[in-house]
Protein backbone atom coordinates (compact mmCIF):
# COMPACT_ATOMS: atom_id res chain seq x y z
CA MET A 1 6.55 -36.36 -5.76
CA LYS A 2 6.00 -37.14 -2.07
CA ILE A 3 9.61 -37.72 -1.56
CA MET A 4 10.56 -34.42 -3.27
CA ILE A 5 8.05 -32.55 -1.04
CA GLY A 6 9.51 -34.29 1.89
CA LEU A 7 13.04 -33.44 1.09
CA LEU A 8 12.20 -29.70 0.34
CA SER A 9 10.51 -29.60 3.66
CA LEU A 10 13.57 -30.96 5.44
CA PHE A 11 15.94 -28.60 3.51
CA PHE A 12 13.78 -25.55 4.67
CA LEU A 13 13.65 -26.81 8.36
CA ILE A 14 17.51 -27.54 8.32
CA SER A 15 18.46 -24.33 6.65
CA ALA A 16 16.39 -21.89 8.62
CA PRO A 17 18.68 -21.59 11.72
CA GLN A 18 21.69 -20.87 9.32
CA ALA A 19 19.96 -17.57 8.24
CA TYR A 20 20.85 -15.92 11.56
CA SER A 21 24.08 -13.99 12.02
CA GLU A 22 25.62 -12.32 15.02
CA GLU A 23 27.51 -9.85 12.93
CA VAL A 24 24.67 -8.08 10.90
CA ALA A 25 21.27 -7.66 12.24
CA TYR A 26 18.87 -9.71 10.23
CA GLU A 27 15.02 -10.11 10.65
CA GLY A 28 15.35 -14.01 10.34
CA TYR A 29 14.66 -16.41 7.66
CA TRP A 30 11.08 -16.98 8.36
CA SER A 31 10.29 -13.28 8.47
CA ALA A 32 12.22 -12.69 5.24
CA PHE A 33 10.56 -15.87 3.69
CA LYS A 34 7.00 -14.47 4.39
CA THR A 35 8.11 -10.91 3.05
CA VAL A 36 9.50 -12.27 -0.13
CA GLU A 37 6.63 -14.72 -0.81
CA LYS A 38 4.05 -11.80 -0.08
CA ARG A 39 5.84 -9.51 -2.44
CA GLY A 40 6.18 -12.30 -5.03
CA TRP A 41 2.55 -13.42 -5.07
CA ILE A 42 1.21 -9.68 -5.02
CA ASN A 43 3.49 -9.06 -8.10
CA LEU A 44 2.26 -11.96 -9.84
CA VAL A 45 -1.24 -10.96 -9.50
CA THR A 46 -0.81 -7.34 -10.01
CA PHE A 47 1.96 -7.08 -12.74
CA PRO A 48 -0.78 -6.11 -15.36
CA MET A 49 -1.06 -2.77 -13.54
CA ASP A 50 2.20 -1.70 -15.23
CA PHE A 51 0.19 -1.22 -18.55
CA PRO A 52 -1.80 1.86 -17.38
CA THR A 53 1.07 3.06 -15.03
CA THR A 54 3.50 3.15 -17.84
CA LEU A 55 1.13 4.84 -20.21
CA LYS A 56 0.59 7.49 -17.54
CA GLU A 57 4.20 8.00 -16.98
CA GLU A 58 5.10 7.89 -20.77
CA THR A 59 2.52 10.61 -21.60
CA GLU A 60 3.85 12.79 -18.97
CA LYS A 61 7.56 12.24 -19.80
CA TYR A 62 7.39 12.31 -23.68
CA PRO A 63 4.36 14.27 -24.69
CA LYS A 64 5.30 13.97 -28.38
CA THR A 65 6.69 10.60 -28.67
CA TRP A 66 4.83 8.59 -26.12
CA ILE A 67 3.17 6.25 -28.82
CA VAL A 68 6.51 5.08 -29.68
CA THR A 69 8.00 4.70 -26.24
CA THR A 70 4.98 3.23 -24.51
CA ILE A 71 5.08 -0.30 -25.97
CA PRO A 72 8.61 -1.10 -25.41
CA HIS A 73 8.64 0.27 -21.82
CA THR A 74 5.42 -1.52 -21.07
CA ILE A 75 6.76 -4.74 -22.20
CA THR A 76 10.16 -4.41 -20.50
CA ARG A 77 8.40 -3.30 -17.14
CA SER A 78 5.85 -6.06 -17.16
CA LEU A 79 8.45 -8.84 -17.95
CA THR A 80 10.75 -7.51 -15.37
CA ARG A 81 8.10 -7.46 -12.67
CA LEU A 82 6.75 -10.92 -13.79
CA SER A 83 10.32 -12.37 -13.65
CA SER A 84 10.82 -10.57 -10.26
CA ALA A 85 7.65 -12.26 -8.96
CA LEU A 86 8.67 -15.62 -10.20
CA ASN A 87 12.13 -15.21 -8.67
CA ASP A 88 10.45 -14.26 -5.20
CA ILE A 89 8.09 -17.25 -5.24
CA PHE A 90 10.30 -20.16 -6.52
CA LEU A 91 14.14 -19.30 -6.31
CA MET A 92 14.44 -16.70 -3.38
CA PRO A 93 13.46 -19.33 -0.72
CA LEU A 94 16.25 -21.46 -1.98
CA TYR A 95 19.04 -18.93 -1.50
CA ALA A 96 17.46 -16.58 1.09
CA PRO A 97 19.03 -18.60 4.11
CA PHE A 98 22.53 -17.89 2.64
CA SER A 99 22.16 -14.38 1.65
CA LYS A 100 21.15 -11.20 3.59
CA ASP A 101 20.05 -9.55 0.39
CA THR A 102 16.33 -10.08 -0.45
CA THR A 103 15.75 -7.16 -2.67
CA ALA A 104 13.48 -7.63 -5.60
CA LEU A 105 14.88 -7.69 -8.94
CA THR A 106 12.82 -4.71 -9.84
CA LYS A 107 15.23 -2.69 -7.73
CA HIS A 108 18.05 -3.43 -10.07
CA PHE A 109 16.07 -1.86 -12.85
CA ASP A 110 14.89 1.16 -10.79
CA LEU A 111 11.40 0.00 -10.61
CA PRO A 112 9.33 0.01 -7.47
CA ASP A 113 8.56 -3.04 -5.63
CA TYR A 114 4.86 -3.01 -6.72
CA GLY A 115 3.20 -2.02 -9.88
CA TRP A 116 1.01 0.70 -8.21
CA GLU A 117 3.85 2.62 -6.87
CA ASP A 118 5.33 5.74 -8.50
CA VAL A 119 8.67 5.56 -10.03
């Protein structure tokens, strides 16, 4: 276990300078790392906020059929936000040095970055 932690630390130290590019303005690996990790942990803690947010939005969008649409949309939104949080925490640091795209998975599903933001 100590060897694995040491190798991961070495990987992050070696790969950090590779995140910079002269062609594209980029905030740097460590700034992106902090932003992504912060977003991931906030989403991991606050993903249950999708339940009341979805209920509010569904009753406004579908006043007659909100009972039918709320459960599937709530499950989909909360699982998308949870998977985005886990991606930000565990996987994004591994490929962020080699990619300029650090957007959350929720953007691909037209959801805001955080659960309390309006769609």
